[in-house]
Amino acid sequence: MLLSCAVPVYLHAGDAMNPHAALIATCATMLSLPVLTFSRRYLHGEYMFSRIAQLTVGLLLGFNLVTTAPNLEQAMAGWSLFGFASTFLIGAYNDRPTVRNNA
């Protein structure tokens, strides 16, 4: 989780398009830590927790890549990762048996 912040900040923070990229990426990571902590308790006993945790980290990595991108190509790559992780996260939530049984 912390690597999803540290790697883009280390690679691109000096030449990022946004002058506050390192601060934004660090704040996003610090906001995501309680979300993952809560979801670990909320999804206790769910067999899909590892998939949801990996998708959440992918979502955060995409956001941090967009934030620290030095050019538009890398920002679009981060945006694509952000979009794919978001789509698969929504699909994983709808695929849970408890959601399917309650529908």
Foldseek 3Di string as FASTA:
>chain_A
DVCLLVVLCVVFQVQFPDVCLNVVLVVLVVVVVVVLVVVCVVCPPFPCNVVLVVLSSQLSSLVSQLSRPNDDVSNVVSVVSNVVSVVVNVVVVCPGPVNVVVD
